[in-house]
Amino acid sequence: MSIVARRLFTITLIARTNPSMSCSDFLSESEWMVLAAKTSCNGSRVMAPPSIAEALMSIAKLGGYLARRKDGPPGTSVLWRGWKRLMDLTEGWHMALMQ
């Protein structure tokens, strides 16, 4: 669990210091593709990885973050829940590809 916590901390820190950086440096291709597909509004396929700030916000939204105008930045618990959901979705995506 400490490895996952360290990874989330690193992603959060980078998203706050360099928000335009590509998320492909921290997420695998399947992880960012699943994340983009899940959070896409129009259902179109995303070919380029989103920025690390966009990816972090999408992970937080998977964990229940509402992203309202007056809300502060997402916290650790929300990111943890979103990360677990992303890992479950990614595992399901891999299982669907194997059939």
PDB file of N, CA and C in Angstrom:
ATOM      1  N   MET A   1       0.813  -1.189   0.000  1.00  0.00           N
ATOM      2  CA  MET A   1       0.000   0.000   0.000  1.00  0.00           C
ATOM      3  C   MET A   1       0.862   1.261   0.000  1.00  0.00           C
ATOM      4  N   SER A   2       2.039   1.181   0.591  1.00  0.00           N
ATOM      5  CA  SER A   2       2.891   2.368   0.634  1.00  0.00           C
ATOM      6  C   SER A   2       3.390   2.740  -0.758  1.00  0.00           C
ATOM      7  N   ILE A   3       3.525   1.753  -1.631  1.00  0.00           N
ATOM      8  CA  ILE A   3       3.946   2.036  -3.003  1.00  0.00           C
ATOM      9  C   ILE A   3       2.866   2.835  -3.722  1.00  0.00           C
ATOM     10  N   VAL A   4       1.625   2.441  -3.533  1.00  0.00           N
ATOM     11  CA  VAL A   4       0.511   3.155  -4.157  1.00  0.00           C
ATOM     12  C   VAL A   4       0.391   4.555  -3.563  1.00  0.00           C
ATOM     13  N   ALA A   5       0.550   4.673  -2.255  1.00  0.00           N
ATOM     14  CA  ALA A   5       0.480   5.985  -1.608  1.00  0.00           C
ATOM     15  C   ALA A   5       1.584   6.899  -2.134  1.00  0.00           C
ATOM     16  N   ARG A   6       2.765   6.356  -2.311  1.00  0.00           N
ATOM     17  CA  ARG A   6       3.884   7.152  -2.848  1.00  0.00           C
ATOM     18  C   ARG A   6       3.588   7.596  -4.283  1.00  0.00           C
ATOM     19  N   ARG A   7       3.021   6.701  -5.068  1.00  0.00           N
ATOM     20  CA  ARG A   7       2.688   7.029  -6.460  1.00  0.00           C
ATOM     21  C   ARG A   7       1.635   8.139  -6.515  1.00  0.00           C
ATOM     22  N   LEU A   8       0.609   8.035  -5.695  1.00  0.00           N
ATOM     23  CA  LEU A   8      -0.420   9.079  -5.652  1.00  0.00           C
ATOM     24  C   LEU A   8       0.156  10.411  -5.172  1.00  0.00           C
ATOM     25  N   PHE A   9       1.021  10.362  -4.180  1.00  0.00           N
ATOM     26  CA  PHE A   9       1.647  11.584  -3.677  1.00  0.00           C
ATOM     27  C   PHE A   9       2.477  12.239  -4.773  1.00  0.00           C
ATOM     28  N   THR A  10       3.242  11.450  -5.505  1.00  0.00           N
ATOM     29  CA  THR A  10       4.076  11.986  -6.586  1.00  0.00           C
ATOM     30  C   THR A  10       3.221  12.611  -7.679  1.00  0.00           C
ATOM     31  N   ILE A  11       2.166  11.920  -8.073  1.00  0.00           N
ATOM     32  CA  ILE A  11       1.273  12.454  -9.109  1.00  0.00           C
ATOM     33  C   ILE A  11       0.637  13.759  -8.645  1.00  0.00           C
ATOM     34  N   THR A  12       0.200  13.817  -7.391  1.00  0.00           N
ATOM     35  CA  THR A  12      -0.407  15.027  -6.849  1.00  0.00           C
ATOM     36  C   THR A  12       0.592  16.180  -6.824  1.00  0.00           C
ATOM     37  N   LEU A  13       1.797  15.905  -6.390  1.00  0.00           N
ATOM     38  CA  LEU A  13       2.823  16.942  -6.321  1.00  0.00           C
ATOM     39  C   LEU A  13       3.168  17.476  -7.711  1.00  0.00           C
ATOM     40  N   ILE A  14       3.341  16.589  -8.678  1.00  0.00           N
ATOM     41  CA  ILE A  14       3.661  17.012 -10.044  1.00  0.00           C
ATOM     42  C   ILE A  14       2.493  17.790 -10.650  1.00  0.00           C
ATOM     43  N   ALA A  15       1.255  17.352 -10.380  1.00  0.00           N
ATOM     44  CA  ALA A  15       0.083  18.043 -10.929  1.00  0.00           C
ATOM     45  C   ALA A  15      -0.021  19.470 -10.392  1.00  0.00           C
ATOM     46  N   ARG A  16       0.462  19.697  -9.183  1.00  0.00           N
ATOM     47  CA  ARG A  16       0.400  21.041  -8.614  1.00  0.00           C
ATOM     48  C   ARG A  16       1.570  21.911  -9.062  1.00  0.00           C
ATOM     49  N   THR A  17       2.717  21.312  -9.352  1.00  0.00           N
ATOM     50  CA  THR A  17       3.890  22.103  -9.733  1.00  0.00           C
ATOM     51  C   THR A  17       4.048  22.256 -11.242  1.00  0.00           C
ATOM     52  N   ASN A  18       3.639  21.232 -12.004  1.00  0.00           N
ATOM     53  CA  ASN A  18       3.763  21.271 -13.457  1.00  0.00           C
ATOM     54  C   ASN A  18       2.498  20.663 -14.078  1.00  0.00           C
ATOM     55  N   PRO A  19       1.367  21.376 -14.025  1.00  0.00           N
ATOM     56  CA  PRO A  19       0.085  20.794 -14.437  1.00  0.00           C
ATOM     57  C   PRO A  19      -0.033  20.455 -15.917  1.00  0.00           C
ATOM     58  N   SER A  20       0.802  21.016 -16.754  1.00  0.00           N
ATOM     59  CA  SER A  20       0.677  20.742 -18.193  1.00  0.00           C
ATOM     60  C   SER A  20       1.466  19.507 -18.634  1.00  0.00           C
ATOM     61  N   MET A  21       2.192  18.881 -17.735  1.00  0.00           N
ATOM     62  CA  MET A  21       2.979  17.686 -18.058  1.00  0.00           C
ATOM     63  C   MET A  21       2.053  16.531 -18.450  1.00  0.00           C
ATOM     64  N   SER A  22       2.494  15.718 -19.367  1.00  0.00           N
ATOM     65  CA  SER A  22       1.691  14.585 -19.819  1.00  0.00           C
ATOM     66  C   SER A  22       1.580  13.535 -18.718  1.00  0.00           C
ATOM     67  N   CYS A  23       0.419  12.917 -18.611  1.00  0.00           N
ATOM     68  CA  CYS A  23       0.226  11.894 -17.589  1.00  0.00           C
ATOM     69  C   CYS A  23       0.866  10.567 -17.974  1.00  0.00           C
ATOM     70  N   SER A  24       1.317  10.443 -19.213  1.00  0.00           N
ATOM     71  CA  SER A  24       1.915   9.183 -19.663  1.00  0.00           C
ATOM     72  C   SER A  24       3.235   8.879 -18.958  1.00  0.00           C
ATOM     73  N   ASP A  25       3.826   9.875 -18.294  1.00  0.00           N
ATOM     74  CA  ASP A  25       5.043   9.635 -17.518  1.00  0.00           C
ATOM     75  C   ASP A  25       4.745   8.922 -16.202  1.00  0.00           C
ATOM     76  N   PHE A  26       3.496   8.968 -15.744  1.00  0.00           N
ATOM     77  CA  PHE A  26       3.140   8.403 -14.451  1.00  0.00           C
ATOM     78  C   PHE A  26       2.080   7.315 -14.534  1.00  0.00           C
ATOM     79  N   LEU A  27       1.317   7.288 -15.597  1.00  0.00           N
ATOM     80  CA  LEU A  27       0.286   6.267 -15.785  1.00  0.00           C
ATOM     81  C   LEU A  27       0.635   5.426 -17.004  1.00  0.00           C
ATOM     82  N   SER A  28       0.330   4.142 -16.927  1.00  0.00           N
ATOM     83  CA  SER A  28       0.556   3.284 -18.086  1.00  0.00           C
ATOM     84  C   SER A  28      -0.430   3.663 -19.189  1.00  0.00           C
ATOM     85  N   GLU A  29      -0.163   3.184 -20.379  1.00  0.00           N
ATOM     86  CA  GLU A  29      -1.046   3.514 -21.504  1.00  0.00           C
ATOM     87  C   GLU A  29      -2.463   3.023 -21.251  1.00  0.00           C
ATOM     88  N   SER A  30      -2.593   1.817 -20.730  1.00  0.00           N
ATOM     89  CA  SER A  30      -3.936   1.295 -20.470  1.00  0.00           C
ATOM     90  C   SER A  30      -4.634   2.093 -19.373  1.00  0.00           C
ATOM     91  N   GLU A  31      -3.901   2.547 -18.355  1.00  0.00           N
ATOM     92  CA  GLU A  31      -4.510   3.330 -17.281  1.00  0.00           C
ATOM     93  C   GLU A  31      -5.056   4.657 -17.784  1.00  0.00           C
ATOM     94  N   TRP A  32      -4.249   5.399 -18.558  1.00  0.00           N
ATOM     95  CA  TRP A  32      -4.761   6.702 -19.008  1.00  0.00           C
ATOM     96  C   TRP A  32      -5.826   6.549 -20.079  1.00  0.00           C
ATOM     97  N   MET A  33      -5.775   5.471 -20.869  1.00  0.00           N
ATOM     98  CA  MET A  33      -6.821   5.267 -21.876  1.00  0.00           C
ATOM     99  C   MET A  33      -8.155   4.926 -21.215  1.00  0.00           C
ATOM    100  N   VAL A  34      -8.123   4.074 -20.188  1.00  0.00           N
ATOM    101  CA  VAL A  34      -9.343   3.742 -19.450  1.00  0.00           C
ATOM    102  C   VAL A  34      -9.887   4.981 -18.749  1.00  0.00           C
ATOM    103  N   LEU A  35      -8.997   5.757 -18.150  1.00  0.00           N
ATOM    104  CA  LEU A  35      -9.407   6.984 -17.463  1.00  0.00           C
ATOM    105  C   LEU A  35     -10.041   7.969 -18.429  1.00  0.00           C
ATOM    106  N   ALA A  36      -9.441   8.135 -19.589  1.00  0.00           N
ATOM    107  CA  ALA A  36      -9.993   9.056 -20.592  1.00  0.00           C
ATOM    108  C   ALA A  36     -11.325   8.556 -21.127  1.00  0.00           C
ATOM    109  N   ALA A  37     -11.442   7.248 -21.336  1.00  0.00           N
ATOM    110  CA  ALA A  37     -12.702   6.694 -21.839  1.00  0.00           C
ATOM    111  C   ALA A  37     -13.812   6.827 -20.804  1.00  0.00           C
ATOM    112  N   LYS A  38     -13.497   6.628 -19.555  1.00  0.00           N
ATOM    113  CA  LYS A  38     -14.495   6.705 -18.487  1.00  0.00           C
ATOM    114  C   LYS A  38     -14.985   8.129 -18.278  1.00  0.00           C
ATOM    115  N   THR A  39     -14.101   9.094 -18.393  1.00  0.00           N
ATOM    116  CA  THR A  39     -14.475  10.479 -18.095  1.00  0.00           C
ATOM    117  C   THR A  39     -14.823  11.290 -19.337  1.00  0.00           C
ATOM    118  N   SER A  40     -14.766  10.679 -20.514  1.00  0.00           N
ATOM    119  CA  SER A  40     -15.095  11.385 -21.748  1.00  0.00           C
ATOM    120  C   SER A  40     -16.584  11.693 -21.785  1.00  0.00           C
ATOM    121  N   CYS A  41     -16.903  12.922 -22.120  1.00  0.00           N
ATOM    122  CA  CYS A  41     -18.306  13.356 -22.151  1.00  0.00           C
ATOM    123  C   CYS A  41     -19.039  12.857 -23.398  1.00  0.00           C
ATOM    124  N   ASN A  42     -18.355  12.873 -24.535  1.00  0.00           N
ATOM    125  CA  ASN A  42     -19.035  12.544 -25.785  1.00  0.00           C
ATOM    126  C   ASN A  42     -18.757  11.117 -26.259  1.00  0.00           C
ATOM    127  N   GLY A  43     -17.990  10.348 -25.513  1.00  0.00           N
ATOM    128  CA  GLY A  43     -17.737   8.960 -25.872  1.00  0.00           C
ATOM    129  C   GLY A  43     -16.722   8.769 -26.968  1.00  0.00           C
ATOM    130  N   SER A  44     -16.063   9.837 -27.390  1.00  0.00           N
ATOM    131  CA  SER A  44     -15.068   9.695 -28.448  1.00  0.00           C
ATOM    132  C   SER A  44     -13.777   9.118 -27.882  1.00  0.00           C
ATOM    133  N   ARG A  45     -13.033   8.458 -28.715  1.00  0.00           N
ATOM    134  CA  ARG A  45     -11.782   7.840 -28.296  1.00  0.00           C
ATOM    135  C   ARG A  45     -10.680   8.894 -28.251  1.00  0.00           C
ATOM    136  N   VAL A  46      -9.946   8.913 -27.160  1.00  0.00           N
ATOM    137  CA  VAL A  46      -8.869   9.873 -26.965  1.00  0.00           C
ATOM    138  C   VAL A  46      -7.564   9.224 -27.411  1.00  0.00           C
ATOM    139  N   MET A  47      -6.838   9.893 -28.285  1.00  0.00           N
ATOM    140  CA  MET A  47      -5.606   9.323 -28.828  1.00  0.00           C
ATOM    141  C   MET A  47      -4.359   9.834 -28.110  1.00  0.00           C
ATOM    142  N   ALA A  48      -4.424  11.015 -27.528  1.00  0.00           N
ATOM    143  CA  ALA A  48      -3.270  11.596 -26.836  1.00  0.00           C
ATOM    144  C   ALA A  48      -3.539  11.594 -25.334  1.00  0.00           C
ATOM    145  N   PRO A  49      -2.521  11.351 -24.534  1.00  0.00           N
ATOM    146  CA  PRO A  49      -2.738  11.343 -23.079  1.00  0.00           C
ATOM    147  C   PRO A  49      -3.065  12.744 -22.565  1.00  0.00           C
ATOM    148  N   PRO A  50      -3.947  12.820 -21.577  1.00  0.00           N
ATOM    149  CA  PRO A  50      -4.272  14.132 -21.000  1.00  0.00           C
ATOM    150  C   PRO A  50      -3.116  14.651 -20.145  1.00  0.00           C
ATOM    151  N   SER A  51      -3.224  15.876 -19.718  1.00  0.00           N
ATOM    152  CA  SER A  51      -2.201  16.429 -18.824  1.00  0.00           C
ATOM    153  C   SER A  51      -2.323  15.751 -17.456  1.00  0.00           C
ATOM    154  N   ILE A  52      -1.283  15.869 -16.664  1.00  0.00           N
ATOM    155  CA  ILE A  52      -1.288  15.240 -15.341  1.00  0.00           C
ATOM    156  C   ILE A  52      -2.355  15.870 -14.442  1.00  0.00           C
ATOM    157  N   ALA A  53      -2.610  17.166 -14.602  1.00  0.00           N
ATOM    158  CA  ALA A  53      -3.647  17.827 -13.804  1.00  0.00           C
ATOM    159  C   ALA A  53      -5.038  17.319 -14.182  1.00  0.00           C
ATOM    160  N   GLU A  54      -5.289  17.135 -15.477  1.00  0.00           N
ATOM    161  CA  GLU A  54      -6.576  16.594 -15.919  1.00  0.00           C
ATOM    162  C   GLU A  54      -6.760  15.160 -15.443  1.00  0.00           C
ATOM    163  N   ALA A  55      -5.692  14.371 -15.503  1.00  0.00           N
ATOM    164  CA  ALA A  55      -5.761  12.983 -15.056  1.00  0.00           C
ATOM    165  C   ALA A  55      -6.030  12.905 -13.555  1.00  0.00           C
ATOM    166  N   LEU A  56      -5.367  13.755 -12.787  1.00  0.00           N
ATOM    167  CA  LEU A  56      -5.579  13.769 -11.340  1.00  0.00           C
ATOM    168  C   LEU A  56      -7.016  14.152 -11.007  1.00  0.00           C
ATOM    169  N   MET A  57      -7.557  15.130 -11.708  1.00  0.00           N
ATOM    170  CA  MET A  57      -8.940  15.544 -11.474  1.00  0.00           C
ATOM    171  C   MET A  57      -9.906  14.418 -11.848  1.00  0.00           C
ATOM    172  N   SER A  58      -9.613  13.700 -12.918  1.00  0.00           N
ATOM    173  CA  SER A  58     -10.463  12.571 -13.318  1.00  0.00           C
ATOM    174  C   SER A  58     -10.409  11.451 -12.292  1.00  0.00           C
ATOM    175  N   ILE A  59      -9.227  11.182 -11.748  1.00  0.00           N
ATOM    176  CA  ILE A  59      -9.088  10.164 -10.699  1.00  0.00           C
ATOM    177  C   ILE A  59      -9.891  10.593  -9.471  1.00  0.00           C
ATOM    178  N   ALA A  60      -9.786  11.857  -9.112  1.00  0.00           N
ATOM    179  CA  ALA A  60     -10.537  12.366  -7.958  1.00  0.00           C
ATOM    180  C   ALA A  60     -12.043  12.245  -8.182  1.00  0.00           C
ATOM    181  N   LYS A  61     -12.492  12.533  -9.385  1.00  0.00           N
ATOM    182  CA  LYS A  61     -13.928  12.411  -9.683  1.00  0.00           C
ATOM    183  C   LYS A  61     -14.388  10.966  -9.593  1.00  0.00           C
ATOM    184  N   LEU A  62     -13.535  10.013  -9.976  1.00  0.00           N
ATOM    185  CA  LEU A  62     -13.882   8.604  -9.811  1.00  0.00           C
ATOM    186  C   LEU A  62     -14.052   8.262  -8.335  1.00  0.00           C
ATOM    187  N   GLY A  63     -13.334   8.986  -7.465  1.00  0.00           N
ATOM    188  CA  GLY A  63     -13.420   8.755  -6.028  1.00  0.00           C
ATOM    189  C   GLY A  63     -14.519   9.533  -5.331  1.00  0.00           C
ATOM    190  N   GLY A  64     -15.279  10.316  -6.074  1.00  0.00           N
ATOM    191  CA  GLY A  64     -16.398  11.036  -5.489  1.00  0.00           C
ATOM    192  C   GLY A  64     -16.215  12.531  -5.370  1.00  0.00           C
ATOM    193  N   TYR A  65     -15.120  13.055  -5.863  1.00  0.00           N
ATOM    194  CA  TYR A  65     -14.878  14.498  -5.816  1.00  0.00           C
ATOM    195  C   TYR A  65     -15.845  15.194  -6.762  1.00  0.00           C
ATOM    196  N   LEU A  66     -16.493  16.259  -6.291  1.00  0.00           N
ATOM    197  CA  LEU A  66     -17.523  16.928  -7.079  1.00  0.00           C
ATOM    198  C   LEU A  66     -16.990  18.055  -7.950  1.00  0.00           C
ATOM    199  N   ALA A  67     -15.823  18.594  -7.637  1.00  0.00           N
ATOM    200  CA  ALA A  67     -15.162  19.642  -8.426  1.00  0.00           C
ATOM    201  C   ALA A  67     -16.045  20.869  -8.612  1.00  0.00           C
ATOM    202  N   ARG A  68     -16.662  21.286  -7.528  1.00  0.00           N
ATOM    203  CA  ARG A  68     -17.451  22.518  -7.585  1.00  0.00           C
ATOM    204  C   ARG A  68     -16.521  23.718  -7.498  1.00  0.00           C
ATOM    205  N   ARG A  69     -17.023  24.859  -7.844  1.00  0.00           N
ATOM    206  CA  ARG A  69     -16.208  26.064  -7.926  1.00  0.00           C
ATOM    207  C   ARG A  69     -15.518  26.398  -6.601  1.00  0.00           C
ATOM    208  N   LYS A  70     -16.186  26.244  -5.494  1.00  0.00           N
ATOM    209  CA  LYS A  70     -15.638  26.630  -4.188  1.00  0.00           C
ATOM    210  C   LYS A  70     -14.929  25.472  -3.474  1.00  0.00           C
ATOM    211  N   ASP A  71     -14.928  24.293  -4.055  1.00  0.00           N
ATOM    212  CA  ASP A  71     -14.251  23.149  -3.430  1.00  0.00           C
ATOM    213  C   ASP A  71     -12.741  23.341  -3.476  1.00  0.00           C
ATOM    214  N   GLY A  72     -12.075  22.883  -2.446  1.00  0.00           N
ATOM    215  CA  GLY A  72     -10.621  22.904  -2.432  1.00  0.00           C
ATOM    216  C   GLY A  72     -10.077  21.793  -3.311  1.00  0.00           C
ATOM    217  N   PRO A  73      -8.774  21.626  -3.327  1.00  0.00           N
ATOM    218  CA  PRO A  73      -8.203  20.537  -4.119  1.00  0.00           C
ATOM    219  C   PRO A  73      -8.594  19.180  -3.538  1.00  0.00           C
ATOM    220  N   PRO A  74      -8.630  18.140  -4.347  1.00  0.00           N
ATOM    221  CA  PRO A  74      -9.028  16.822  -3.842  1.00  0.00           C
ATOM    222  C   PRO A  74      -8.055  16.325  -2.779  1.00  0.00           C
ATOM    223  N   GLY A  75      -8.604  15.649  -1.791  1.00  0.00           N
ATOM    224  CA  GLY A  75      -7.802  15.134  -0.694  1.00  0.00           C
ATOM    225  C   GLY A  75      -7.333  13.711  -0.923  1.00  0.00           C
ATOM    226  N   THR A  76      -6.609  13.212   0.041  1.00  0.00           N
ATOM    227  CA  THR A  76      -6.001  11.892  -0.050  1.00  0.00           C
ATOM    228  C   THR A  76      -7.035  10.781  -0.130  1.00  0.00           C
ATOM    229  N   SER A  77      -8.081  10.855   0.688  1.00  0.00           N
ATOM    230  CA  SER A  77      -9.095   9.793   0.700  1.00  0.00           C
ATOM    231  C   SER A  77      -9.824   9.687  -0.629  1.00  0.00           C
ATOM    232  N   VAL A  78     -10.184  10.826  -1.185  1.00  0.00           N
ATOM    233  CA  VAL A  78     -10.873  10.843  -2.482  1.00  0.00           C
ATOM    234  C   VAL A  78      -9.958  10.283  -3.568  1.00  0.00           C
ATOM    235  N   LEU A  79      -8.701  10.684  -3.562  1.00  0.00           N
ATOM    236  CA  LEU A  79      -7.756  10.170  -4.561  1.00  0.00           C
ATOM    237  C   LEU A  79      -7.547   8.670  -4.400  1.00  0.00           C
ATOM    238  N   TRP A  80      -7.499   8.205  -3.168  1.00  0.00           N
ATOM    239  CA  TRP A  80      -7.321   6.776  -2.918  1.00  0.00           C
ATOM    240  C   TRP A  80      -8.513   5.984  -3.466  1.00  0.00           C
ATOM    241  N   ARG A  81      -9.722   6.451  -3.180  1.00  0.00           N
ATOM    242  CA  ARG A  81     -10.915   5.765  -3.701  1.00  0.00           C
ATOM    243  C   ARG A  81     -10.944   5.790  -5.227  1.00  0.00           C
ATOM    244  N   GLY A  82     -10.591   6.929  -5.807  1.00  0.00           N
ATOM    245  CA  GLY A  82     -10.549   7.031  -7.264  1.00  0.00           C
ATOM    246  C   GLY A  82      -9.497   6.125  -7.861  1.00  0.00           C
ATOM    247  N   TRP A  83      -8.347   6.024  -7.200  1.00  0.00           N
ATOM    248  CA  TRP A  83      -7.267   5.157  -7.685  1.00  0.00           C
ATOM    249  C   TRP A  83      -7.704   3.696  -7.674  1.00  0.00           C
ATOM    250  N   LYS A  84      -8.362   3.275  -6.590  1.00  0.00           N
ATOM    251  CA  LYS A  84      -8.842   1.889  -6.525  1.00  0.00           C
ATOM    252  C   LYS A  84      -9.848   1.618  -7.638  1.00  0.00           C
ATOM    253  N   ARG A  85     -10.715   2.578  -7.889  1.00  0.00           N
ATOM    254  CA  ARG A  85     -11.712   2.411  -8.965  1.00  0.00           C
ATOM    255  C   ARG A  85     -11.027   2.347 -10.327  1.00  0.00           C
ATOM    256  N   LEU A  86     -10.026   3.186 -10.546  1.00  0.00           N
ATOM    257  CA  LEU A  86      -9.284   3.160 -11.811  1.00  0.00           C
ATOM    258  C   LEU A  86      -8.593   1.822 -11.999  1.00  0.00           C
ATOM    259  N   MET A  87      -8.010   1.272 -10.943  1.00  0.00           N
ATOM    260  CA  MET A  87      -7.334  -0.022 -11.054  1.00  0.00           C
ATOM    261  C   MET A  87      -8.331  -1.137 -11.369  1.00  0.00           C
ATOM    262  N   ASP A  88      -9.526  -1.079 -10.762  1.00  0.00           N
ATOM    263  CA  ASP A  88     -10.562  -2.066 -11.073  1.00  0.00           C
ATOM    264  C   ASP A  88     -11.014  -1.956 -12.525  1.00  0.00           C
ATOM    265  N   LEU A  89     -11.221  -0.727 -12.995  1.00  0.00           N
ATOM    266  CA  LEU A  89     -11.633  -0.532 -14.390  1.00  0.00           C
ATOM    267  C   LEU A  89     -10.548  -1.002 -15.365  1.00  0.00           C
ATOM    268  N   THR A  90      -9.296  -0.728 -15.035  1.00  0.00           N
ATOM    269  CA  THR A  90      -8.187  -1.143 -15.896  1.00  0.00           C
ATOM    270  C   THR A  90      -8.074  -2.660 -15.940  1.00  0.00           C
ATOM    271  N   GLU A  91      -8.247  -3.298 -14.786  1.00  0.00           N
ATOM    272  CA  GLU A  91      -8.208  -4.765 -14.759  1.00  0.00           C
ATOM    273  C   GLU A  91      -9.335  -5.357 -15.592  1.00  0.00           C
ATOM    274  N   GLY A  92     -10.527  -4.773 -15.492  1.00  0.00           N
ATOM    275  CA  GLY A  92     -11.648  -5.235 -16.317  1.00  0.00           C
ATOM    276  C   GLY A  92     -11.381  -5.045 -17.798  1.00  0.00           C
ATOM    277  N   TRP A  93     -10.725  -3.939 -18.140  1.00  0.00           N
ATOM    278  CA  TRP A  93     -10.383  -3.676 -19.536  1.00  0.00           C
ATOM    279  C   TRP A  93      -9.410  -4.725 -20.057  1.00  0.00           C
ATOM    280  N   HIS A  94      -8.412  -5.080 -19.235  1.00  0.00           N
ATOM    281  CA  HIS A  94      -7.447  -6.111 -19.629  1.00  0.00           C
ATOM    282  C   HIS A  94      -8.138  -7.470 -19.776  1.00  0.00           C
ATOM    283  N   MET A  95      -9.050  -7.770 -18.880  1.00  0.00           N
ATOM    284  CA  MET A  95      -9.767  -9.043 -18.956  1.00  0.00           C
ATOM    285  C   MET A  95     -10.643  -9.100 -20.210  1.00  0.00           C
ATOM    286  N   ALA A  96     -11.257  -7.990 -20.577  1.00  0.00           N
ATOM    287  CA  ALA A  96     -12.100  -7.963 -21.776  1.00  0.00           C
ATOM    288  C   ALA A  96     -11.262  -8.140 -23.039  1.00  0.00           C
ATOM    289  N   LEU A  97     -10.047  -7.630 -23.041  1.00  0.00           N
ATOM    290  CA  LEU A  97      -9.174  -7.774 -24.208  1.00  0.00           C
ATOM    291  C   LEU A  97      -8.665  -9.194 -24.377  1.00  0.00           C
ATOM    292  N   MET A  98      -8.589  -9.949 -23.280  1.00  0.00           N
ATOM    293  CA  MET A  98      -8.060 -11.311 -23.352  1.00  0.00           C
ATOM    294  C   MET A  98      -9.061 -12.272 -23.975  1.00  0.00           C
ATOM    295  N   GLN A  99     -10.331 -11.925 -24.010  1.00  0.00           N
ATOM    296  CA  GLN A  99     -11.332 -12.857 -24.555  1.00  0.00           C
ATOM    297  C   GLN A  99     -11.444 -12.750 -26.037  1.00  0.00           C
TER     298      GLN A  99
END
